[in-house]
Amino acid sequence: MKFFNVNTLIYIFITPIVTLVLWLTGAHTWVHFINTFFSLSLIISIFLFMLLLVQEGIFDVTSYGFRKFRYLMMRKKNRQMYEEDDFYNPKTPKRQHYVVQSWVKPSLLVNTLYFILSLILAFTI
Protein backbone atom coordinates (compact mmCIF):
# COMPACT_ATOMS: atom_id res chain seq x y z
CA MET A 1 0.00 0.00 0.00
CA LYS A 2 3.06 2.23 -0.37
CA PHE A 3 1.74 3.50 -3.71
CA PHE A 4 -1.58 4.68 -2.25
CA ASN A 5 -1.45 7.02 0.73
CA VAL A 6 -4.36 8.94 2.27
CA ASN A 7 -4.15 11.90 -0.13
CA THR A 8 -4.12 9.55 -3.11
CA LEU A 9 -7.24 7.77 -1.90
CA ILE A 10 -8.99 11.09 -1.26
CA TYR A 11 -8.29 12.35 -4.76
CA ILE A 12 -9.19 9.01 -6.32
CA PHE A 13 -12.58 8.79 -4.61
CA ILE A 14 -13.50 12.48 -4.75
CA THR A 15 -14.79 12.23 -8.33
CA PRO A 16 -17.28 9.37 -7.77
CA ILE A 17 -18.42 10.74 -4.40
CA VAL A 18 -19.04 14.29 -5.67
CA THR A 19 -20.72 12.85 -8.77
CA LEU A 20 -23.04 10.76 -6.62
CA VAL A 21 -23.88 13.72 -4.36
CA LEU A 22 -24.62 15.99 -7.34
CA TRP A 23 -26.68 13.24 -8.97
CA LEU A 24 -28.71 12.73 -5.78
CA THR A 25 -29.43 16.47 -5.49
CA GLY A 26 -30.47 16.83 -9.14
CA ALA A 27 -32.33 14.75 -11.68
CA HIS A 28 -32.14 11.00 -11.09
CA THR A 29 -31.47 9.92 -14.65
CA TRP A 30 -28.64 7.85 -16.03
CA VAL A 31 -27.77 10.57 -18.56
CA HIS A 32 -27.46 13.18 -15.81
CA PHE A 33 -25.16 10.86 -13.84
CA ILE A 34 -22.90 10.22 -16.85
CA ASN A 35 -22.78 13.93 -17.76
CA THR A 36 -21.83 14.87 -14.20
CA PHE A 37 -19.24 12.10 -14.03
CA PHE A 38 -17.76 13.20 -17.37
CA SER A 39 -17.60 16.87 -16.38
CA LEU A 40 -16.03 16.26 -12.98
CA SER A 41 -13.49 13.75 -14.24
CA LEU A 42 -12.47 16.13 -17.03
CA ILE A 43 -12.11 19.15 -14.73
CA ILE A 44 -10.18 17.24 -12.07
CA SER A 45 -7.93 15.60 -14.69
CA ILE A 46 -7.06 19.00 -16.18
CA PHE A 47 -6.37 20.39 -12.71
CA LEU A 48 -4.12 17.46 -11.77
CA PHE A 49 -2.28 17.62 -15.11
CA MET A 50 -1.54 21.32 -14.61
CA LEU A 51 -0.39 20.57 -11.06
CA LEU A 52 1.94 17.87 -12.37
CA LEU A 53 3.39 20.24 -14.99
CA VAL A 54 4.09 22.92 -12.41
CA GLN A 55 5.61 20.49 -9.90
CA GLU A 56 7.91 18.95 -12.51
CA GLY A 57 9.27 22.37 -13.47
CA ILE A 58 8.12 22.47 -17.08
CA PHE A 59 7.68 26.24 -16.97
CA ASP A 60 11.07 26.93 -15.35
CA VAL A 61 12.85 27.25 -18.70
CA THR A 62 10.38 29.89 -19.88
CA SER A 63 10.72 31.76 -16.62
CA TYR A 64 14.50 31.52 -16.91
CA GLY A 65 14.40 33.06 -20.38
CA PHE A 66 12.27 36.00 -19.31
CA ARG A 67 14.36 36.69 -16.19
CA LYS A 68 17.65 36.45 -18.10
CA PHE A 69 16.30 38.73 -20.84
CA ARG A 70 15.13 41.26 -18.25
CA TYR A 71 18.55 41.19 -16.59
CA LEU A 72 20.34 41.71 -19.90
CA MET A 73 18.08 44.63 -20.85
CA MET A 74 18.69 46.51 -17.56
CA ARG A 75 20.81 49.63 -17.43
CA LYS A 76 24.39 48.99 -16.51
CA LYS A 77 24.14 50.51 -13.03
CA ASN A 78 21.04 48.41 -12.23
CA ARG A 79 22.67 45.31 -13.70
CA GLN A 80 25.63 45.62 -11.32
CA MET A 81 23.21 45.79 -8.40
CA TYR A 82 21.59 42.47 -9.40
CA GLU A 83 24.75 40.69 -10.56
CA GLU A 84 24.87 38.25 -7.63
CA ASP A 85 21.09 37.82 -7.37
CA ASP A 86 20.07 34.30 -8.40
CA PHE A 87 16.52 35.35 -9.24
CA TYR A 88 17.25 38.26 -11.62
CA ASN A 89 20.50 36.79 -12.96
CA PRO A 90 19.87 33.04 -13.06
CA LYS A 91 22.82 30.78 -13.82
CA THR A 92 20.93 27.62 -14.80
CA PRO A 93 17.45 27.21 -16.31
CA LYS A 94 16.36 24.31 -14.11
CA ARG A 95 16.92 23.11 -10.58
CA GLN A 96 18.70 19.83 -9.91
CA HIS A 97 15.78 18.12 -8.16
CA TYR A 98 12.02 18.61 -8.25
CA VAL A 99 9.60 17.32 -5.65
CA VAL A 100 6.41 15.90 -7.14
CA GLN A 101 3.86 14.99 -4.49
CA SER A 102 3.33 11.22 -4.36
CA TRP A 103 -0.45 11.46 -4.77
CA VAL A 104 -0.48 13.50 -8.01
CA LYS A 105 0.49 10.83 -10.55
CA PRO A 106 -1.81 8.02 -9.34
CA SER A 107 -4.70 10.46 -8.93
CA LEU A 108 -4.15 11.79 -12.45
CA LEU A 109 -4.03 8.26 -13.83
CA VAL A 110 -7.25 7.20 -12.09
CA ASN A 111 -9.11 10.39 -13.06
CA THR A 112 -8.02 9.89 -16.67
CA LEU A 113 -9.43 6.36 -16.45
CA TYR A 114 -12.65 7.84 -15.02
CA PHE A 115 -12.79 10.17 -18.03
CA ILE A 116 -12.37 7.25 -20.46
CA LEU A 117 -14.93 5.22 -18.51
CA SER A 118 -17.43 8.08 -18.74
CA LEU A 119 -16.94 8.20 -22.52
CA ILE A 120 -17.50 4.45 -22.78
CA LEU A 121 -20.63 4.69 -20.62
CA ALA A 122 -21.93 7.60 -22.69
CA PHE A 123 -21.64 5.65 -25.92
CA THR A 124 -23.28 2.52 -24.55
CA ILE A 125 -26.65 4.16 -23.81
C-alpha atoms as a PDB file:
ATOM      1  CA  MET A   1       0.000   0.000   0.000  1.00  0.00           C
ATOM      2  CA  LYS A   2       3.064   2.232  -0.372  1.00  0.00           C
ATOM      3  CA  PHE A   3       1.736   3.495  -3.711  1.00  0.00           C
ATOM      4  CA  PHE A   4      -1.581   4.685  -2.252  1.00  0.00           C
ATOM      5  CA  ASN A   5      -1.453   7.025   0.728  1.00  0.00           C
ATOM      6  CA  VAL A   6      -4.361   8.939   2.274  1.00  0.00           C
ATOM      7  CA  ASN A   7      -4.153  11.902  -0.129  1.00  0.00           C
ATOM      8  CA  THR A   8      -4.120   9.545  -3.108  1.00  0.00           C
ATOM      9  CA  LEU A   9      -7.242   7.768  -1.896  1.00  0.00           C
ATOM     10  CA  ILE A  10      -8.989  11.087  -1.258  1.00  0.00           C
ATOM     11  CA  TYR A  11      -8.285  12.350  -4.760  1.00  0.00           C
ATOM     12  CA  ILE A  12      -9.189   9.010  -6.322  1.00  0.00           C
ATOM     13  CA  PHE A  13     -12.576   8.788  -4.610  1.00  0.00           C
ATOM     14  CA  ILE A  14     -13.501  12.478  -4.746  1.00  0.00           C
ATOM     15  CA  THR A  15     -14.789  12.233  -8.333  1.00  0.00           C
ATOM     16  CA  PRO A  16     -17.280   9.370  -7.775  1.00  0.00           C
ATOM     17  CA  ILE A  17     -18.422  10.742  -4.404  1.00  0.00           C
ATOM     18  CA  VAL A  18     -19.043  14.285  -5.671  1.00  0.00           C
ATOM     19  CA  THR A  19     -20.719  12.846  -8.773  1.00  0.00           C
ATOM     20  CA  LEU A  20     -23.036  10.761  -6.615  1.00  0.00           C
ATOM     21  CA  VAL A  21     -23.876  13.724  -4.361  1.00  0.00           C
ATOM     22  CA  LEU A  22     -24.622  15.991  -7.338  1.00  0.00           C
ATOM     23  CA  TRP A  23     -26.675  13.245  -8.971  1.00  0.00           C
ATOM     24  CA  LEU A  24     -28.706  12.733  -5.779  1.00  0.00           C
ATOM     25  CA  THR A  25     -29.431  16.469  -5.494  1.00  0.00           C
ATOM     26  CA  GLY A  26     -30.470  16.829  -9.143  1.00  0.00           C
ATOM     27  CA  ALA A  27     -32.334  14.752 -11.675  1.00  0.00           C
ATOM     28  CA  HIS A  28     -32.141  11.004 -11.094  1.00  0.00           C
ATOM     29  CA  THR A  29     -31.471   9.921 -14.648  1.00  0.00           C
ATOM     30  CA  TRP A  30     -28.640   7.846 -16.031  1.00  0.00           C
ATOM     31  CA  VAL A  31     -27.773  10.567 -18.563  1.00  0.00           C
ATOM     32  CA  HIS A  32     -27.459  13.179 -15.812  1.00  0.00           C
ATOM     33  CA  PHE A  33     -25.157  10.863 -13.844  1.00  0.00           C
ATOM     34  CA  ILE A  34     -22.903  10.224 -16.854  1.00  0.00           C
ATOM     35  CA  ASN A  35     -22.777  13.926 -17.755  1.00  0.00           C
ATOM     36  CA  THR A  36     -21.831  14.872 -14.204  1.00  0.00           C
ATOM     37  CA  PHE A  37     -19.240  12.096 -14.028  1.00  0.00           C
ATOM     38  CA  PHE A  38     -17.763  13.195 -17.368  1.00  0.00           C
ATOM     39  CA  SER A  39     -17.600  16.865 -16.379  1.00  0.00           C
ATOM     40  CA  LEU A  40     -16.031  16.260 -12.977  1.00  0.00           C
ATOM     41  CA  SER A  41     -13.489  13.747 -14.241  1.00  0.00           C
ATOM     42  CA  LEU A  42     -12.465  16.126 -17.034  1.00  0.00           C
ATOM     43  CA  ILE A  43     -12.114  19.146 -14.729  1.00  0.00           C
ATOM     44  CA  ILE A  44     -10.177  17.239 -12.070  1.00  0.00           C
ATOM     45  CA  SER A  45      -7.930  15.600 -14.691  1.00  0.00           C
ATOM     46  CA  ILE A  46      -7.064  18.998 -16.177  1.00  0.00           C
ATOM     47  CA  PHE A  47      -6.373  20.395 -12.707  1.00  0.00           C
ATOM     48  CA  LEU A  48      -4.124  17.457 -11.771  1.00  0.00           C
ATOM     49  CA  PHE A  49      -2.284  17.624 -15.110  1.00  0.00           C
ATOM     50  CA  MET A  50      -1.536  21.321 -14.610  1.00  0.00           C
ATOM     51  CA  LEU A  51      -0.393  20.574 -11.056  1.00  0.00           C
ATOM     52  CA  LEU A  52       1.936  17.868 -12.374  1.00  0.00           C
ATOM     53  CA  LEU A  53       3.387  20.235 -14.987  1.00  0.00           C
ATOM     54  CA  VAL A  54       4.091  22.921 -12.412  1.00  0.00           C
ATOM     55  CA  GLN A  55       5.609  20.493  -9.902  1.00  0.00           C
ATOM     56  CA  GLU A  56       7.915  18.950 -12.513  1.00  0.00           C
ATOM     57  CA  GLY A  57       9.267  22.371 -13.465  1.00  0.00           C
ATOM     58  CA  ILE A  58       8.119  22.474 -17.085  1.00  0.00           C
ATOM     59  CA  PHE A  59       7.676  26.245 -16.974  1.00  0.00           C
ATOM     60  CA  ASP A  60      11.067  26.926 -15.354  1.00  0.00           C
ATOM     61  CA  VAL A  61      12.846  27.249 -18.702  1.00  0.00           C
ATOM     62  CA  THR A  62      10.377  29.888 -19.884  1.00  0.00           C
ATOM     63  CA  SER A  63      10.718  31.763 -16.616  1.00  0.00           C
ATOM     64  CA  TYR A  64      14.504  31.524 -16.908  1.00  0.00           C
ATOM     65  CA  GLY A  65      14.405  33.055 -20.381  1.00  0.00           C
ATOM     66  CA  PHE A  66      12.272  36.000 -19.309  1.00  0.00           C
ATOM     67  CA  ARG A  67      14.360  36.695 -16.186  1.00  0.00           C
ATOM     68  CA  LYS A  68      17.651  36.451 -18.102  1.00  0.00           C
ATOM     69  CA  PHE A  69      16.301  38.734 -20.844  1.00  0.00           C
ATOM     70  CA  ARG A  70      15.132  41.259 -18.254  1.00  0.00           C
ATOM     71  CA  TYR A  71      18.549  41.186 -16.592  1.00  0.00           C
ATOM     72  CA  LEU A  72      20.344  41.711 -19.898  1.00  0.00           C
ATOM     73  CA  MET A  73      18.076  44.629 -20.851  1.00  0.00           C
ATOM     74  CA  MET A  74      18.689  46.510 -17.560  1.00  0.00           C
ATOM     75  CA  ARG A  75      20.810  49.626 -17.432  1.00  0.00           C
ATOM     76  CA  LYS A  76      24.392  48.988 -16.510  1.00  0.00           C
ATOM     77  CA  LYS A  77      24.140  50.507 -13.032  1.00  0.00           C
ATOM     78  CA  ASN A  78      21.043  48.408 -12.230  1.00  0.00           C
ATOM     79  CA  ARG A  79      22.671  45.309 -13.695  1.00  0.00           C
ATOM     80  CA  GLN A  80      25.631  45.622 -11.321  1.00  0.00           C
ATOM     81  CA  MET A  81      23.213  45.788  -8.403  1.00  0.00           C
ATOM     82  CA  TYR A  82      21.593  42.465  -9.400  1.00  0.00           C
ATOM     83  CA  GLU A  83      24.755  40.691 -10.564  1.00  0.00           C
ATOM     84  CA  GLU A  84      24.869  38.253  -7.631  1.00  0.00           C
ATOM     85  CA  ASP A  85      21.092  37.823  -7.365  1.00  0.00           C
ATOM     86  CA  ASP A  86      20.066  34.302  -8.396  1.00  0.00           C
ATOM     87  CA  PHE A  87      16.520  35.350  -9.243  1.00  0.00           C
ATOM     88  CA  TYR A  88      17.255  38.262 -11.616  1.00  0.00           C
ATOM     89  CA  ASN A  89      20.496  36.792 -12.963  1.00  0.00           C
ATOM     90  CA  PRO A  90      19.870  33.038 -13.056  1.00  0.00           C
ATOM     91  CA  LYS A  91      22.820  30.780 -13.820  1.00  0.00           C
ATOM     92  CA  THR A  92      20.927  27.618 -14.804  1.00  0.00           C
ATOM     93  CA  PRO A  93      17.454  27.206 -16.307  1.00  0.00           C
ATOM     94  CA  LYS A  94      16.356  24.305 -14.107  1.00  0.00           C
ATOM     95  CA  ARG A  95      16.922  23.106 -10.578  1.00  0.00           C
ATOM     96  CA  GLN A  96      18.699  19.826  -9.910  1.00  0.00           C
ATOM     97  CA  HIS A  97      15.784  18.122  -8.159  1.00  0.00           C
ATOM     98  CA  TYR A  98      12.015  18.612  -8.254  1.00  0.00           C
ATOM     99  CA  VAL A  99       9.595  17.321  -5.650  1.00  0.00           C
ATOM    100  CA  VAL A 100       6.410  15.903  -7.137  1.00  0.00           C
ATOM    101  CA  GLN A 101       3.865  14.986  -4.489  1.00  0.00           C
ATOM    102  CA  SER A 102       3.326  11.223  -4.356  1.00  0.00           C
ATOM    103  CA  TRP A 103      -0.451  11.464  -4.770  1.00  0.00           C
ATOM    104  CA  VAL A 104      -0.476  13.496  -8.009  1.00  0.00           C
ATOM    105  CA  LYS A 105       0.493  10.830 -10.554  1.00  0.00           C
ATOM    106  CA  PRO A 106      -1.814   8.018  -9.342  1.00  0.00           C
ATOM    107  CA  SER A 107      -4.699  10.459  -8.932  1.00  0.00           C
ATOM    108  CA  LEU A 108      -4.149  11.789 -12.448  1.00  0.00           C
ATOM    109  CA  LEU A 109      -4.032   8.261 -13.833  1.00  0.00           C
ATOM    110  CA  VAL A 110      -7.246   7.198 -12.086  1.00  0.00           C
ATOM    111  CA  ASN A 111      -9.112  10.386 -13.061  1.00  0.00           C
ATOM    112  CA  THR A 112      -8.020   9.886 -16.668  1.00  0.00           C
ATOM    113  CA  LEU A 113      -9.427   6.360 -16.451  1.00  0.00           C
ATOM    114  CA  TYR A 114     -12.645   7.844 -15.022  1.00  0.00           C
ATOM    115  CA  PHE A 115     -12.793  10.166 -18.034  1.00  0.00           C
ATOM    116  CA  ILE A 116     -12.365   7.250 -20.458  1.00  0.00           C
ATOM    117  CA  LEU A 117     -14.930   5.219 -18.506  1.00  0.00           C
ATOM    118  CA  SER A 118     -17.434   8.079 -18.745  1.00  0.00           C
ATOM    119  CA  LEU A 119     -16.937   8.201 -22.521  1.00  0.00           C
ATOM    120  CA  ILE A 120     -17.499   4.452 -22.776  1.00  0.00           C
ATOM    121  CA  LEU A 121     -20.632   4.693 -20.621  1.00  0.00           C
ATOM    122  CA  ALA A 122     -21.933   7.601 -22.691  1.00  0.00           C
ATOM    123  CA  PHE A 123     -21.638   5.654 -25.923  1.00  0.00           C
ATOM    124  CA  THR A 124     -23.283   2.518 -24.545  1.00  0.00           C
ATOM    125  CA  ILE A 125     -26.648   4.160 -23.814  1.00  0.00           C
END
